[in-house]
Protein backbone atom coordinates (compact mmCIF):
# COMPACT_ATOMS: atom_id res chain seq x y z
CA UNK A 1 0.02 0.03 0.00
CA UNK A 2 1.31 3.52 -0.84
CA UNK A 3 1.24 6.16 1.77
CA UNK A 4 -0.57 9.27 0.81
CA UNK A 5 1.25 12.51 1.77
CA UNK A 6 -1.83 14.76 2.15
CA UNK A 7 0.19 17.81 3.21
CA UNK A 8 2.20 17.58 0.12
CA UNK A 9 -0.95 17.16 -2.00
CA UNK A 10 -2.32 20.49 -0.66
CA UNK A 11 1.12 22.11 -0.61
CA UNK A 12 1.05 23.05 3.05
CA UNK A 13 3.44 22.50 5.94
CA UNK A 14 2.66 19.75 8.41
CA UNK A 15 1.97 22.32 11.13
CA UNK A 16 -0.44 24.34 8.88
CA UNK A 17 -3.37 25.89 10.53
CA UNK A 18 -6.96 24.96 9.68
CA UNK A 19 -7.38 28.24 7.80
CA UNK A 20 -4.26 27.66 5.85
CA UNK A 21 -5.48 24.12 4.83
CA UNK A 22 -8.86 25.49 3.81
CA UNK A 23 -7.25 28.30 1.68
CA UNK A 24 -4.87 25.82 0.02
CA UNK A 25 -7.74 23.47 -0.81
CA UNK A 26 -10.04 26.25 -2.23
CA UNK A 27 -7.22 27.51 -4.39
CA UNK A 28 -6.34 24.05 -5.79
CA UNK A 29 -9.96 22.96 -6.20
CA UNK A 30 -10.77 26.02 -8.22
CA UNK A 31 -7.79 25.28 -10.54
CA UNK A 32 -8.52 21.56 -11.03
CA UNK A 33 -12.27 21.46 -10.84
CA UNK A 34 -13.24 19.31 -13.96
CA UNK A 35 -15.86 21.95 -15.04
CA UNK A 36 -13.19 24.56 -15.59
CA UNK A 37 -10.01 22.78 -16.36
CA UNK A 38 -8.88 22.21 -19.98
CA UNK A 39 -7.49 18.72 -19.48
CA UNK A 40 -10.54 17.26 -17.82
CA UNK A 41 -9.20 13.71 -17.33
CA UNK A 42 -6.03 14.81 -15.60
CA UNK A 43 -7.94 17.55 -13.69
CA UNK A 44 -10.60 14.97 -12.44
CA UNK A 45 -7.94 12.66 -11.00
CA UNK A 46 -6.10 15.65 -9.28
CA UNK A 47 -9.42 16.98 -8.00
CA UNK A 48 -10.16 13.71 -6.29
CA UNK A 49 -6.58 13.64 -4.70
CA UNK A 50 -7.12 17.15 -3.42
CA UNK A 51 -10.49 16.28 -2.02
CA UNK A 52 -9.23 13.14 -0.23
CA UNK A 53 -6.42 15.15 1.32
CA UNK A 54 -8.84 17.82 2.52
CA UNK A 55 -11.32 15.18 3.81
CA UNK A 56 -8.77 13.96 6.19
CA UNK A 57 -6.87 17.14 7.16
CA UNK A 58 -9.91 19.34 7.71
CA UNK A 59 -11.22 16.87 10.42
CA UNK A 60 -9.26 17.26 13.63
CA UNK A 61 -9.70 13.61 14.72
CA UNK A 62 -8.78 12.25 11.24
CA UNK A 63 -5.76 14.67 11.11
CA UNK A 64 -4.55 13.37 14.50
CA UNK A 65 -4.74 9.81 13.27
CA UNK A 66 -3.08 10.63 10.10
CA UNK A 67 -0.18 12.30 11.85
CA UNK A 68 0.34 9.11 13.83
CA UNK A 69 0.55 7.09 10.74
CA UNK A 70 2.88 9.62 9.20
CA UNK A 71 5.85 8.31 11.27
CA UNK A 72 6.31 5.63 8.70
CA UNK A 73 5.43 7.68 5.59
CA UNK A 74 8.94 7.46 3.98
CA UNK A 75 8.45 3.74 3.38
CA UNK A 76 6.28 4.55 0.21
CA UNK A 77 4.74 1.63 -1.40
CA UNK A 78 6.15 -0.51 1.45
CA UNK A 79 4.28 1.48 4.02
CA UNK A 80 3.35 -0.30 7.17
CA UNK A 81 1.13 1.29 9.91
CA UNK A 82 2.30 1.62 13.41
CA UNK A 83 1.72 -1.27 15.80
CA UNK A 84 -1.82 -1.62 16.95
CA UNK A 85 -3.40 0.15 14.04
CA UNK A 86 -6.47 -1.61 12.67
CA UNK A 87 -7.82 -0.81 9.17
CA UNK A 88 -11.30 0.78 9.17
CA UNK A 89 -12.49 -0.88 5.95
CA UNK A 90 -11.70 -3.53 3.62
CA UNK A 91 -11.10 -6.54 5.85
CA UNK A 92 -13.40 -9.10 7.38
CA UNK A 93 -13.56 -12.66 8.59
CA UNK A 94 -15.50 -15.45 6.93
CA UNK A 95 -17.08 -18.37 8.80
CA UNK A 96 -14.21 -20.64 9.58
CA UNK A 97 -11.92 -17.80 10.51
CA UNK A 98 -10.59 -17.00 7.02
CA UNK A 99 -10.09 -13.35 6.26
CA UNK A 100 -10.97 -11.81 2.83
CA UNK A 101 -9.55 -8.45 1.82
CA UNK A 102 -11.64 -5.98 -0.38
CA UNK A 103 -10.33 -3.19 -2.43
CA UNK A 104 -12.21 -0.68 -4.43
CA UNK A 105 -11.59 1.29 -7.59
CA UNK A 106 -13.66 4.00 -9.17
CA UNK A 107 -15.06 5.20 -5.86
CA UNK A 108 -12.77 8.30 -5.86
CA UNK A 109 -10.80 7.19 -2.82
CA UNK A 110 -7.42 5.63 -2.68
CA UNK A 111 -6.69 2.23 -1.01
CA UNK A 112 -4.86 4.16 1.64
CA UNK A 113 -8.00 6.17 2.45
CA UNK A 114 -10.27 3.09 2.33
CA UNK A 115 -8.09 1.18 4.81
CA UNK A 116 -7.63 3.93 7.35
CA UNK A 117 -10.28 6.58 6.96
CA UNK A 118 -13.43 5.14 5.34
CA UNK A 119 -16.18 3.59 7.39
CA UNK A 120 -16.55 0.54 5.35
CA UNK A 121 -15.51 -3.14 5.47
CA UNK A 122 -17.18 -6.49 5.17
CA UNK A 123 -20.22 -7.07 7.30
CA UNK A 124 -20.73 -10.77 7.40
CA UNK A 125 -24.16 -12.49 7.49
CA UNK A 126 -24.97 -14.96 10.30
CA UNK A 127 -27.40 -16.67 8.01
CA UNK A 128 -26.70 -20.49 7.92
CA UNK A 129 -28.34 -23.46 6.12
CA UNK A 130 -31.37 -23.49 8.39
CA UNK A 131 -32.05 -19.89 7.42
CA UNK A 132 -31.74 -20.65 3.73
CA UNK A 133 -34.02 -23.73 3.84
CA UNK A 134 -36.43 -22.69 6.63
CA UNK A 135 -35.57 -25.85 8.69
CA UNK A 136 -36.09 -25.92 12.35
CA UNK A 137 -33.39 -26.09 15.01
CA UNK A 138 -31.38 -29.26 14.99
CA UNK A 139 -32.69 -30.46 11.62
CA UNK A 140 -29.85 -31.32 9.34
CA UNK A 141 -29.89 -30.83 5.54
CA UNK A 142 -28.26 -33.00 2.93
CA UNK A 143 -25.58 -31.55 0.82
CA UNK A 144 -22.80 -29.00 1.29
CA UNK A 145 -23.23 -26.18 3.92
CA UNK A 146 -24.63 -23.05 2.25
CA UNK A 147 -23.87 -19.57 3.53
CA UNK A 148 -24.97 -16.29 1.94
CA UNK A 149 -22.17 -14.04 0.97
CA UNK A 150 -21.05 -11.15 3.18
CA UNK A 151 -22.28 -7.66 2.58
CA UNK A 152 -19.52 -5.29 1.78
CA UNK A 153 -19.40 -1.59 2.57
CA UNK A 154 -17.40 1.27 1.25
CA UNK A 155 -17.39 4.97 0.59
CA UNK A 156 -17.92 6.68 -2.73
CA UNK A 157 -16.95 10.34 -3.54
CA UNK A 158 -19.75 12.21 -5.30
CA UNK A 159 -19.40 15.71 -6.63
CA UNK A 160 -22.16 18.25 -6.22
CA UNK A 161 -22.46 18.27 -9.90
CA UNK A 162 -23.14 14.45 -10.03
CA UNK A 163 -25.65 14.91 -7.17
CA UNK A 164 -27.43 17.56 -9.23
CA UNK A 165 -27.60 15.71 -12.54
CA UNK A 166 -27.10 12.07 -11.58
CA UNK A 167 -24.40 9.84 -13.11
CA UNK A 168 -23.25 6.37 -13.79
CA UNK A 169 -19.89 5.23 -12.30
CA UNK A 170 -17.85 2.23 -13.11
CA UNK A 171 -16.71 0.66 -9.77
CA UNK A 172 -14.45 -2.27 -9.38
CA UNK A 173 -14.30 -4.53 -6.29
CA UNK A 174 -11.17 -6.73 -5.80
CA UNK A 175 -11.50 -9.68 -3.37
CA UNK A 176 -8.39 -11.51 -2.18
CA UNK A 177 -8.98 -14.98 -0.75
CA UNK A 178 -5.88 -16.01 1.33
CA UNK A 179 -7.11 -19.61 1.45
CA UNK A 180 -6.88 -19.86 -2.36
CA UNK A 181 -4.08 -17.30 -2.69
CA UNK A 182 -5.74 -15.47 -5.55
CA UNK A 183 -7.70 -12.32 -6.30
CA UNK A 184 -10.88 -11.75 -8.22
CA UNK A 185 -11.91 -8.44 -9.72
CA UNK A 186 -15.50 -7.58 -10.64
CA UNK A 187 -16.30 -4.41 -12.48
CA UNK A 188 -19.95 -3.01 -12.65
CA UNK A 189 -21.90 0.13 -13.23
CA UNK A 190 -23.28 2.03 -10.18
CA UNK A 191 -26.08 4.52 -10.76
CA UNK A 192 -25.87 7.69 -8.70
CA UNK A 193 -29.31 9.22 -8.71
CA UNK A 194 -29.97 12.93 -9.12
CA UNK A 195 -30.76 14.27 -5.64
CA UNK A 196 -28.62 11.85 -3.80
CA UNK A 197 -27.63 13.36 -0.39
CA UNK A 198 -24.41 13.31 1.63
CA UNK A 199 -24.41 10.30 3.91
CA UNK A 200 -26.97 8.39 1.84
CA UNK A 201 -26.27 4.67 1.12
CA UNK A 202 -26.50 3.26 -2.35
CA UNK A 203 -27.27 -0.44 -2.41
CA UNK A 204 -25.87 -2.63 -5.31
CA UNK A 205 -27.61 -6.05 -4.96
CA UNK A 206 -25.44 -9.15 -5.46
CA UNK A 207 -22.15 -7.28 -5.67
CA UNK A 208 -20.76 -8.22 -2.32
CA UNK A 209 -18.85 -11.25 -1.16
CA UNK A 210 -19.55 -14.56 -3.01
CA UNK A 211 -21.78 -17.06 -1.25
CA UNK A 212 -20.61 -20.62 -0.50
CA UNK A 213 -22.36 -23.89 -1.34
CA UNK A 214 -24.29 -22.28 -4.10
CA UNK A 215 -25.84 -19.60 -1.91
CA UNK A 216 -26.43 -16.11 -3.12
CA UNK A 217 -23.78 -13.34 -2.88
CA UNK A 218 -24.00 -10.50 -0.53
CA UNK A 219 -24.79 -6.96 -1.36
CA UNK A 220 -22.54 -3.88 -1.81
CA UNK A 221 -23.39 -0.70 0.20
CA UNK A 222 -21.67 2.45 -0.85
CA UNK A 223 -21.89 5.34 1.48
CA UNK A 224 -22.05 8.69 -0.36
CA UNK A 225 -19.49 11.31 0.68
CA UNK A 226 -19.84 14.64 -1.08
CA UNK A 227 -16.59 15.95 -2.54
CA UNK A 228 -15.68 19.30 -1.08
CA UNK A 229 -16.54 22.06 -3.59
CA UNK A 230 -14.55 25.37 -3.91
CA UNK A 231 -17.71 27.44 -4.09
CA UNK A 232 -20.39 25.64 -2.14
CA UNK A 233 -21.12 23.56 0.90
CA UNK A 234 -24.35 21.45 1.22
CA UNK A 235 -26.91 20.93 3.97
CA UNK A 236 -29.59 18.62 2.69
CA UNK A 237 -30.77 19.92 -0.59
CA UNK A 238 -29.72 23.43 0.34
CA UNK A 239 -26.32 24.98 -0.99
CA UNK A 240 -24.32 27.75 0.81
CA UNK A 241 -21.86 30.07 -0.89
CA UNK A 242 -19.61 32.43 0.94
CA UNK A 243 -19.51 35.80 -0.91
CA UNK A 244 -16.66 38.20 0.08
CA UNK A 245 -17.63 41.86 0.08
CA UNK A 246 -15.60 45.06 0.39
CA UNK A 247 -16.82 47.35 3.26
CA UNK A 248 -18.25 49.96 0.77
CA UNK A 249 -20.19 47.27 -1.05
CA UNK A 250 -21.88 46.26 2.29
CA UNK A 251 -22.58 49.87 3.20
CA UNK A 252 -23.72 51.21 -0.17
CA UNK A 253 -25.16 48.10 -1.66
CA UNK A 254 -23.96 46.42 -4.86
CA UNK A 255 -24.98 44.08 -7.75
CA UNK A 256 -22.79 41.07 -7.99
CA UNK A 257 -22.73 37.92 -10.04
CA UNK A 258 -22.66 34.68 -7.93
CA UNK A 259 -22.08 31.05 -9.17
CA UNK A 260 -24.65 28.34 -9.13
CA UNK A 261 -24.30 24.65 -10.23
CA UNK A 262 -25.75 25.70 -13.71
CA UNK A 263 -24.79 29.23 -14.54
CA UNK A 264 -24.05 32.49 -12.67
CA UNK A 265 -26.97 34.61 -11.47
CA UNK A 266 -27.03 38.32 -10.56
CA UNK A 267 -27.61 39.13 -7.00
CA UNK A 268 -28.51 42.49 -5.41
CA UNK A 269 -26.73 43.23 -2.19
CA UNK A 270 -28.99 45.51 -0.01
CA UNK A 271 -27.35 48.78 1.36
CA UNK A 272 -26.43 48.34 4.95
CA UNK A 273 -25.82 44.59 4.84
CA UNK A 274 -23.97 43.04 7.81
CA UNK A 275 -21.35 40.40 8.05
CA UNK A 276 -22.85 36.89 8.13
CA UNK A 277 -26.16 38.03 6.52
CA UNK A 278 -27.81 35.32 4.37
CA UNK A 279 -29.39 36.09 0.99
CA UNK A 280 -31.67 33.32 -0.49
CA UNK A 281 -31.62 32.45 -4.24
CA UNK A 282 -34.70 30.28 -4.66
CA UNK A 283 -34.51 26.97 -6.46
CA UNK A 284 -30.83 27.00 -6.98
CA UNK A 285 -29.99 24.12 -4.74
CA UNK A 286 -29.84 20.34 -5.25
CA UNK A 287 -32.87 18.33 -6.21
CA UNK A 288 -34.83 17.09 -3.20
CA UNK A 289 -36.90 13.92 -2.54
CA UNK A 290 -40.11 15.71 -3.22
CA UNK A 291 -38.94 16.61 -6.72
CA UNK A 292 -38.31 20.22 -5.83
CA UNK A 293 -35.00 22.18 -5.83
CA UNK A 294 -33.40 23.19 -2.56
CA UNK A 295 -32.28 26.85 -1.97
CA UNK A 296 -29.00 28.59 -2.50
CA UNK A 297 -28.00 30.79 0.45
CA UNK A 298 -25.43 33.44 -0.10
CA UNK A 299 -23.52 34.20 3.14
CA UNK A 300 -21.97 37.65 3.17
CA UNK A 301 -18.39 37.97 4.44
CA UNK A 302 -17.21 41.50 4.78
CA UNK A 303 -13.41 41.77 4.21
CA UNK A 304 -11.19 44.84 5.18
CA UNK A 305 -8.10 45.70 3.09
CA UNK A 306 -4.92 44.40 4.74
CA UNK A 307 -2.68 47.16 3.02
CA UNK A 308 -3.51 50.69 2.08
CA UNK A 309 -2.00 53.27 -0.27
CA UNK A 310 -1.48 56.75 1.16
CA UNK A 311 -4.51 57.92 -0.84
CA UNK A 312 -6.63 55.18 0.64
CA UNK A 313 -5.45 55.78 4.18
CA UNK A 314 -6.42 59.51 3.80
CA UNK A 315 -9.87 58.49 2.57
CA UNK A 316 -10.44 56.19 5.55
CA UNK A 317 -9.10 58.84 7.96
CA UNK A 318 -11.48 61.41 6.43
CA UNK A 319 -14.48 58.96 6.82
CA UNK A 320 -13.44 58.42 10.41
CA UNK A 321 -13.63 62.14 11.15
CA UNK A 322 -16.98 62.79 9.35
CA UNK A 323 -18.92 59.61 10.09
CA UNK A 324 -21.31 59.62 13.16
CA UNK A 325 -21.49 55.87 13.20
CA UNK A 326 -20.30 54.00 16.35
CA UNK A 327 -20.51 50.19 16.48
CA UNK A 328 -20.38 50.35 20.28
CA UNK A 329 -23.53 52.48 20.78
CA UNK A 330 -26.60 50.50 21.64
């Protein structure tokens, strides 16, 4: 397994602050987003790498665990986790004590992420031959013992654009059987429906672990994890976009073009807007279960200039002398 250097992927130091990590992600995500990049195939792969890195480093608990793993990172493809580490996903025990290893391709996440930061793994059925044949306790059935295959779980990275329009993804599941010393790879199409939500589970019948004795295979359950977007965050079917404003735009009002998942729309900023104010753009969110569209909420973020020219400073000083406004007056 190859260790993923997430700090290098985002181009930040290992002691980078949360704000530095967020800023680095947004800059790279805007550059490599498949909708804007010229080389879409290369950009798509890079965008997924950036998202995976941000998925781990933005979460304090995942970042702490990742830093523990990082002690062995120079081992590269021969990476071995520290003693006591248990993979989160991809391993499971079959009846009889044998372990099968599952690896995914096409989900948007690397093997490294699936092993240590995904919530998947094999969930094995307790169904035995009496469950399959409906026999009572203690009644033996002729023939080989039958056992339904295990259900297998994994994560799948879904972009907001895919959630908006729906898509079909080719996913591969590799199963290694240590008893036989061989691997089998199965590739199949997974439909991601329009309106799918973050955290939702997509069930793919019969694509889990193979059954034994002629019994049916288990199912594959893919847990949807929305890819972080450089312009939006989601909550249910609603989208949120942070819009940076200059102080004079907030005070005087402005007309500004803001992005949506389809095309930009023009938004009027009311005079006297305050930091954190939310403006609603109806019907520009994701599809919802009732067939309607969610809303787009534009959150205002008033920025002040960090550097001033002499002329700008004089203008601010003049404003300070003539303005009757005091933010500390109730």
